[in-house]
Every structure is written in C-alpha cells, then in structure tokens.
Amino acid sequence: MNFAAVEKIANAVLYEGYILYPYRASSTKNRQRWNFGTLYPQCYAEAQHPIEPFKFVVECPIEGNSTTRLDVRIRFLQLVETQGKSGQNPADDWQHGIERSHDVTGLRLSSLIAEDHSLGFRIPAGDTDSSAREVGGVLGITATVVSKGYKLHLELTNTSSGSTAISRNDALLQAYTSAHILLALQDGEFISLLDPPEKFRFTASSCNNQGVFPVLVGDQDQHSMMLCSPIILYDYPQIAPESFGDFFDGTEMDEMLALRVLTLTDEEKREMRNDDRARQILERTESLPQEHLMKLHGAIRGMRRGAGEEGL
C-alpha cells in the first residue's frame, strides 16, 4: 500500500478549516472549531439533541475477482489542548492538531461477502503527545457480489470512551477531526460514482454514502485508489500548481490570503507563531519571491470557443 501519490490532496482535506485567517487563536472565528468531517465519541454524540455525528458510511462498486485485495487507511486530526505559560491570556491557549492514522491491509474482498468484519483499533493516550487522550474506533467492512465485481460497504465509528456529560470542547479532544479514508486495490478497479460505466450504473446509483463521498484519486488513467472525503470533490482532484502551500481556509484564494498575511501587525504575527502550522504560513509567505506572488493572479489552463462564437 503506497498512498504517497495522493498524500497532498488528502492533506488538503485533513487540514481544511484547521485555522482560519487571521490565523490567531484569539480571533472569534477560531475560538470554536468548525472542521469538516468531525466524528464525536459515540457516547457523547448520542446524548446530544439533536444527535451529533459519530460515524460515516462509505459504499462504492468495485470491478474485481476472487484475488482482489483492499487496503484501508483511516486518517484524522486529534486535537490537543495547550495553555499558555501565564494561563490568563486566551491568545496563548490553543487546540493544536496531531495527525492520526490506522491501516488495515490485504483484505480479500471475496472473504467479506455476507459477513461483517468489525475491526477495532485503539490509539493510546500520550503516544506522540503527553497531552493527547486515548481514542478508539471500529471499522466495519462487508462486500456484496454484483455483476462484474463487488459493492463495498464500510462504516467508521468513533467508540472512544468518555462521559455523556462532558462539554463539547472536551468531546473534541477525543473526536476524529477532518476524518476521511483512503482506499487502494490490488488486482481490481474502483468504479466512479460520478461517471460509472453502463454495466455499473445501477450499482452506483444504489450506493448510500453518509458523511463522506468517495472519489477517484491519483493518475487519471488509473482506478486503483479512492479518497472518501467529507468535502464534496470531483474525481481526480488536484492542487493548483501555482499554490505554494496550505492556507487552511475554505474556498481559499492564495493571492488574497498571502497579501493579507503580509499586512498583519508585528503583534498579530507574534500570535501566529504560537501554532506551528500558522507559523509555517507566516514564514512561507514572508519569504515568497515576488515572481511567485505574481503567478497567483491566475492561470489559463485551456481555451475553447463558446456557443455562437464560431465566426469570431
């Protein structure tokens, strides 16, 4: 299993909304997290009115045979609460994100038919950060035989233990933030849900995805990998070559955000440096060559005539 080729687009999903301009913890819109794809601990989520999300469901067709194998990578951010040395300035308090992942490899699809494989996992408290809390989950996988292949069904549930009475901020410390899944096949092909071939059209239309939507990723002539994303994407999403790094803002506009960062005061920049990823934005933007900044004005990928323009 090698997801290196799609890591950049997957990381864009992972960090979407992580911290918003003006990239400071004291900013009102950064005082409460709003990331896409947050799965709360089930015990907490079911006690809320209305119920908060604690799982997502993936379904997609696969063209394969008895030798087809599936690899799964679960990815999310876990938030860890840090407090400034003074303990008094809210600008020094911040929930920074730790990248989490769990792999399940070499699943033979033919062995998943009509049998629910529930695979539990646990990430211990403080394994990479002494402040991180323990999180756990269950990945349920089944497969149904269809013409020319299989229909895959996955459910990811956050089963982290905790109290139903905890606050939302406490629940976020055991939540899966920006949760998504990467899928890879050996000896098989994923079928696009957006543009399925005729023989898979009925199966594709019957797929019920909840909380995420699977799209093909990687090279456009390949069908071996899918990204199950909480953000709606087309097949084969790409990062614009002019983009020189993440800004974490929804529908981000690199030029506008770069120029805005350059206008921040020294005090605002000091606060940005309290978070490693915000600091990287600042350092990257301040060191950006002028010719690179000029490239952010826009680019023409291709041109074609519009209707009624034949004579122009």
Protein backbone atom coordinates (compact mmCIF):
# COMPACT_ATOMS: atom_id res chain seq x y z
CA MET A 1 0.00 0.00 0.00
CA ASN A 2 1.51 3.30 -1.11
CA PHE A 3 -0.63 6.43 -0.84
CA ALA A 4 2.27 8.85 -1.41
CA ALA A 5 0.92 9.91 -4.81
CA VAL A 6 -2.34 11.22 -3.29
CA GLU A 7 -0.98 12.48 0.01
CA LYS A 8 -1.05 16.16 -1.00
CA ILE A 9 -4.77 16.23 -1.83
CA ALA A 10 -5.56 14.09 1.24
CA ASN A 11 -3.68 16.54 3.46
CA ALA A 12 -5.63 19.43 1.96
CA VAL A 13 -8.79 17.66 3.18
CA LEU A 14 -7.20 16.84 6.55
CA TYR A 15 -6.33 20.46 7.31
CA GLU A 16 -9.27 22.26 5.69
CA GLY A 17 -10.60 24.69 8.31
CA TYR A 18 -7.84 23.87 10.80
CA ILE A 19 -7.20 27.56 11.44
CA LEU A 20 -8.77 30.48 9.58
CA TYR A 21 -7.47 33.89 8.63
CA PRO A 22 -6.23 35.93 10.53
CA TYR A 23 -4.67 32.68 11.86
CA ARG A 24 -4.80 33.70 15.51
CA ALA A 25 -6.30 31.79 18.43
CA SER A 26 -7.81 35.00 19.82
CA SER A 27 -9.83 35.57 16.64
CA THR A 28 -13.55 34.96 17.31
CA LYS A 29 -13.95 32.50 14.44
CA ASN A 30 -11.00 30.46 15.73
CA ARG A 31 -12.32 30.14 19.28
CA GLN A 32 -14.57 27.26 18.22
CA ARG A 33 -13.61 24.50 15.78
CA TRP A 34 -15.74 24.02 12.67
CA ASN A 35 -13.73 21.49 10.65
CA PHE A 36 -15.48 19.34 8.08
CA GLY A 37 -15.97 15.68 8.94
CA THR A 38 -15.87 15.71 12.76
CA LEU A 39 -16.89 12.41 14.36
CA TYR A 40 -17.56 12.74 18.09
CA PRO A 41 -17.29 9.87 20.61
CA GLN A 42 -20.48 7.85 20.23
CA CYS A 43 -21.45 8.05 23.92
CA TYR A 44 -21.28 11.86 23.81
CA ALA A 45 -22.88 12.24 20.37
CA GLU A 46 -25.96 10.14 21.17
CA ALA A 47 -26.63 12.19 24.33
CA GLN A 48 -26.96 15.43 22.34
CA HIS A 49 -30.19 16.89 20.96
CA PRO A 50 -30.03 16.60 18.02
CA ILE A 51 -27.53 13.74 17.87
CA GLU A 52 -24.05 14.76 16.73
CA PRO A 53 -22.27 12.67 14.05
CA PHE A 54 -20.18 9.77 15.39
CA LYS A 55 -19.79 7.62 12.27
CA PHE A 56 -19.71 7.76 8.50
CA VAL A 57 -20.65 5.25 5.81
CA VAL A 58 -18.91 4.52 2.50
CA GLU A 59 -20.34 2.50 -0.39
CA CYS A 60 -18.83 2.09 -3.84
CA PRO A 61 -18.68 -0.51 -6.67
CA ILE A 62 -15.51 -2.44 -7.43
CA GLU A 63 -14.65 -4.37 -10.56
CA GLY A 64 -12.71 -7.38 -9.36
CA ASN A 65 -12.47 -11.11 -8.80
CA SER A 66 -11.58 -13.64 -6.14
CA THR A 67 -7.99 -12.35 -5.90
CA THR A 68 -8.90 -8.66 -5.40
CA ARG A 69 -7.46 -7.21 -2.20
CA LEU A 70 -8.28 -3.99 -0.38
CA ASP A 71 -6.10 -1.68 1.74
CA VAL A 72 -7.67 0.94 4.00
CA ARG A 73 -6.09 3.94 5.68
CA ILE A 74 -8.14 5.85 8.27
CA ARG A 75 -6.93 9.44 8.76
CA PHE A 76 -7.99 12.27 11.06
CA LEU A 77 -6.67 15.03 13.31
CA GLN A 78 -6.85 14.66 17.07
CA LEU A 79 -7.00 17.96 18.91
CA VAL A 80 -4.78 18.51 21.94
CA GLU A 81 -5.37 21.39 24.33
CA THR A 82 -2.40 23.57 25.19
CA GLN A 83 -2.30 26.50 27.57
CA GLY A 84 -0.02 29.50 27.58
CA LYS A 85 2.51 29.85 30.35
CA SER A 86 0.52 32.58 32.03
CA GLY A 87 -2.74 30.64 31.88
CA GLN A 88 -4.50 34.00 31.61
CA ASN A 89 -4.23 35.13 28.01
CA PRO A 90 -6.73 33.31 25.76
CA ALA A 91 -4.50 34.12 22.78
CA ASP A 92 -1.93 31.70 24.24
CA ASP A 93 -4.46 28.84 24.55
CA TRP A 94 -4.97 26.66 21.52
CA GLN A 95 -6.07 23.20 20.42
CA HIS A 96 -3.38 22.04 18.05
CA GLY A 97 -3.90 19.02 15.82
CA ILE A 98 -1.99 15.73 15.79
CA GLU A 99 -2.15 13.62 12.63
CA ARG A 100 -3.61 10.17 13.33
CA SER A 101 -3.91 7.17 11.04
CA HIS A 102 -4.70 3.48 11.20
CA ASP A 103 -4.08 0.96 8.41
CA VAL A 104 -5.92 -2.23 7.53
CA THR A 105 -4.21 -4.10 4.70
CA GLY A 106 -4.61 -7.12 2.45
CA LEU A 107 -8.34 -7.70 2.88
CA ARG A 108 -9.56 -10.22 0.31
CA LEU A 109 -12.95 -8.98 -0.91
CA SER A 110 -14.21 -12.49 -1.53
CA SER A 111 -13.84 -13.22 2.21
CA LEU A 112 -16.00 -10.21 3.14
CA ILE A 113 -19.14 -11.44 1.36
CA ALA A 114 -22.21 -11.58 3.60
CA GLU A 115 -20.03 -11.35 6.69
CA ASP A 116 -19.49 -8.19 8.74
CA HIS A 117 -15.83 -7.75 9.63
CA SER A 118 -15.67 -5.36 12.60
CA LEU A 119 -12.08 -4.36 13.18
CA GLY A 120 -11.41 -2.42 16.36
CA PHE A 121 -8.44 -0.13 16.92
CA ARG A 122 -7.07 1.99 19.74
CA ILE A 123 -4.58 4.87 19.85
CA PRO A 124 -3.19 5.12 23.40
CA ALA A 125 -3.15 8.36 25.39
CA GLY A 126 0.06 10.34 25.06
CA ASP A 127 1.68 8.06 22.48
CA THR A 128 3.01 11.05 20.48
CA ASP A 129 1.96 13.95 22.73
CA SER A 130 1.76 13.73 26.51
CA SER A 131 -1.49 15.75 26.49
CA ALA A 132 -3.30 13.60 23.93
CA ARG A 133 -6.22 11.49 25.17
CA GLU A 134 -6.89 7.89 24.17
CA VAL A 135 -9.13 7.40 21.16
CA GLY A 136 -10.65 4.22 19.77
CA GLY A 137 -12.85 3.13 16.94
CA VAL A 138 -14.39 0.33 14.91
CA LEU A 139 -14.17 -0.16 11.16
CA GLY A 140 -16.95 -2.38 9.80
CA ILE A 141 -16.44 -3.84 6.30
CA THR A 142 -18.69 -6.00 4.14
CA ALA A 143 -18.90 -6.79 0.42
CA THR A 144 -21.82 -7.81 -1.78
CA VAL A 145 -21.42 -9.65 -5.08
CA VAL A 146 -22.71 -7.72 -8.10
CA SER A 147 -22.32 -8.24 -11.82
CA LYS A 148 -18.61 -8.00 -12.74
CA GLY A 149 -17.50 -7.39 -9.18
CA TYR A 150 -18.49 -6.21 -5.72
CA LYS A 151 -20.29 -3.47 -3.84
CA LEU A 152 -18.15 -2.38 -0.88
CA HIS A 153 -19.68 -1.13 2.39
CA LEU A 154 -17.59 0.47 5.16
CA GLU A 155 -18.62 2.10 8.43
CA LEU A 156 -16.20 4.02 10.63
CA THR A 157 -17.42 4.65 14.21
CA ASN A 158 -15.74 6.66 16.95
CA THR A 159 -16.08 4.46 20.05
CA SER A 160 -13.73 6.45 22.31
CA SER A 161 -14.77 6.08 25.95
CA GLY A 162 -15.95 9.09 27.93
CA SER A 163 -18.83 10.64 29.79
CA THR A 164 -22.09 11.76 28.21
CA ALA A 165 -21.95 14.87 30.40
CA ILE A 166 -18.66 16.29 29.14
CA SER A 167 -18.56 19.63 27.34
CA ARG A 168 -18.24 19.99 23.58
CA ASN A 169 -14.63 21.17 23.97
CA ASP A 170 -13.77 18.05 25.98
CA ALA A 171 -15.52 15.83 23.42
CA LEU A 172 -13.44 17.40 20.66
CA LEU A 173 -10.27 16.11 22.37
CA GLN A 174 -11.44 12.56 21.59
CA ALA A 175 -13.13 13.35 18.28
CA TYR A 176 -11.94 12.45 14.79
CA THR A 177 -11.49 15.87 13.20
CA SER A 178 -11.49 16.05 9.37
CA ALA A 179 -11.98 12.28 9.29
CA HIS A 180 -11.59 10.55 5.93
CA ILE A 181 -10.46 7.26 4.44
CA LEU A 182 -8.06 6.33 1.64
CA LEU A 183 -8.74 3.07 -0.23
CA ALA A 184 -6.40 1.13 -2.51
CA LEU A 185 -6.97 -2.01 -4.59
CA GLN A 186 -4.71 -4.77 -5.78
CA ASP A 187 -5.95 -6.67 -8.82
CA GLY A 188 -9.15 -4.67 -9.13
CA GLU A 189 -10.58 -1.27 -10.06
CA PHE A 190 -12.83 1.24 -8.32
CA ILE A 191 -15.85 2.48 -10.26
CA SER A 192 -16.58 6.21 -10.37
CA LEU A 193 -19.84 7.17 -8.68
CA LEU A 194 -19.92 10.38 -10.73
CA ASP A 195 -19.48 8.78 -14.15
CA PRO A 196 -19.96 5.00 -13.89
CA PRO A 197 -19.87 2.78 -16.99
CA GLU A 198 -23.22 1.40 -18.12
CA LYS A 199 -22.71 -2.04 -16.57
CA PHE A 200 -22.19 -0.49 -13.11
CA ARG A 201 -24.72 2.34 -13.37
CA PHE A 202 -27.43 0.61 -11.32
CA THR A 203 -24.98 -0.45 -8.60
CA ALA A 204 -23.50 3.05 -8.43
CA SER A 205 -26.96 4.63 -8.09
CA SER A 206 -27.78 2.29 -5.18
CA CYS A 207 -24.72 3.32 -3.15
CA ASN A 208 -25.61 5.18 0.04
CA ASN A 209 -22.78 7.36 1.38
CA GLN A 210 -23.24 9.22 4.65
CA GLY A 211 -20.86 11.91 5.87
CA VAL A 212 -18.27 11.31 3.16
CA PHE A 213 -18.22 10.79 -0.61
CA PRO A 214 -15.70 8.57 -2.44
CA VAL A 215 -13.90 9.97 -5.49
CA LEU A 216 -11.13 8.54 -7.64
CA VAL A 217 -7.65 9.93 -6.94
CA GLY A 218 -4.20 9.57 -8.46
CA ASP A 219 -3.40 9.43 -12.17
CA GLN A 220 -6.46 9.81 -14.39
CA ASP A 221 -5.74 6.60 -16.30
CA GLN A 222 -5.81 4.58 -13.07
CA HIS A 223 -8.71 3.38 -10.93
CA SER A 224 -6.82 1.81 -8.03
CA MET A 225 -7.32 4.47 -5.33
CA MET A 226 -10.21 6.38 -3.79
CA LEU A 227 -10.46 9.22 -1.30
CA CYS A 228 -13.59 9.14 0.86
CA SER A 229 -13.82 12.83 1.68
CA PRO A 230 -16.15 14.89 3.94
CA ILE A 231 -15.73 17.70 1.39
CA ILE A 232 -17.52 17.27 -1.95
CA LEU A 233 -14.93 16.77 -4.70
CA TYR A 234 -14.83 15.63 -8.31
CA ASP A 235 -12.88 12.58 -9.42
CA TYR A 236 -9.13 13.18 -9.61
CA PRO A 237 -8.98 16.45 -7.61
CA GLN A 238 -5.72 18.35 -7.97
CA ILE A 239 -3.83 21.05 -6.10
CA ALA A 240 -3.21 24.03 -8.40
CA PRO A 241 0.49 24.11 -9.36
CA GLU A 242 0.57 27.85 -8.55
CA SER A 243 -0.36 27.15 -4.91
CA PHE A 244 2.77 27.31 -2.74
CA GLY A 245 1.23 25.90 0.44
CA ASP A 246 -1.91 25.42 2.53
CA PHE A 247 -3.85 28.34 3.98
CA PHE A 248 -6.48 26.03 5.57
CA ASP A 249 -9.37 28.35 4.60
CA GLY A 250 -12.49 27.01 2.86
CA THR A 251 -12.51 28.05 -0.84
CA GLU A 252 -9.10 29.52 -0.20
CA MET A 253 -7.74 32.21 -2.52
CA ASP A 254 -3.96 32.07 -2.25
CA GLU A 255 -3.23 35.54 -3.60
CA MET A 256 -5.70 37.33 -1.35
CA LEU A 257 -4.63 35.42 1.77
CA ALA A 258 -0.93 35.89 1.04
CA LEU A 259 -1.39 39.65 0.69
CA ARG A 260 -3.49 39.79 3.86
CA VAL A 261 -0.85 37.91 5.87
CA LEU A 262 1.78 40.39 4.71
CA THR A 263 -0.29 43.28 6.15
CA LEU A 264 -0.55 41.84 9.68
CA THR A 265 0.96 43.81 12.55
CA ASP A 266 4.01 42.60 14.48
CA GLU A 267 1.77 41.69 17.42
CA GLU A 268 -0.59 39.68 15.17
CA LYS A 269 2.40 37.85 13.67
CA ARG A 270 3.71 37.07 17.15
CA GLU A 271 0.43 35.38 17.98
CA MET A 272 0.52 33.42 14.71
CA ARG A 273 3.83 31.91 15.81
CA ASN A 274 2.10 30.21 18.77
CA ASP A 275 0.87 27.46 16.43
CA ASP A 276 3.39 25.53 14.33
CA ARG A 277 1.24 25.43 11.21
CA ALA A 278 0.23 29.09 11.43
CA ARG A 279 3.90 29.94 11.89
CA GLN A 280 4.72 27.99 8.72
CA ILE A 281 2.15 30.07 6.80
CA LEU A 282 3.79 33.26 8.05
CA GLU A 283 7.36 32.20 7.32
CA ARG A 284 6.45 30.82 3.89
CA THR A 285 4.54 33.94 2.89
CA GLU A 286 7.18 36.40 4.10
CA SER A 287 9.89 34.54 2.14
CA LEU A 288 7.84 34.22 -1.07
CA PRO A 289 9.71 35.65 -4.09
CA GLN A 290 7.92 38.47 -5.92
CA GLU A 291 7.77 36.48 -9.17
CA HIS A 292 5.99 33.64 -7.38
CA LEU A 293 3.46 36.04 -5.87
CA MET A 294 2.74 37.40 -9.35
CA LYS A 295 1.84 33.87 -10.55
CA LEU A 296 -1.08 33.84 -8.09
CA HIS A 297 -3.01 36.35 -10.23
CA GLY A 298 -4.38 33.40 -12.21
CA ALA A 299 -3.61 30.93 -14.96
CA ILE A 300 -5.25 29.81 -18.20
CA ARG A 301 -5.41 26.02 -18.41
CA GLY A 302 -7.01 25.97 -21.86
CA MET A 303 -9.38 27.84 -24.15
CA ARG A 304 -12.34 26.79 -26.27
CA ARG A 305 -14.98 28.55 -28.32
CA GLY A 306 -18.33 29.20 -26.72
CA ALA A 307 -21.70 28.68 -28.37
CA GLY A 308 -22.25 31.17 -31.20
CA GLU A 309 -18.61 32.20 -31.36
CA GLU A 310 -17.64 30.23 -34.46
CA GLY A 311 -17.33 33.37 -36.55
CA LEU A 312 -15.27 35.34 -34.04
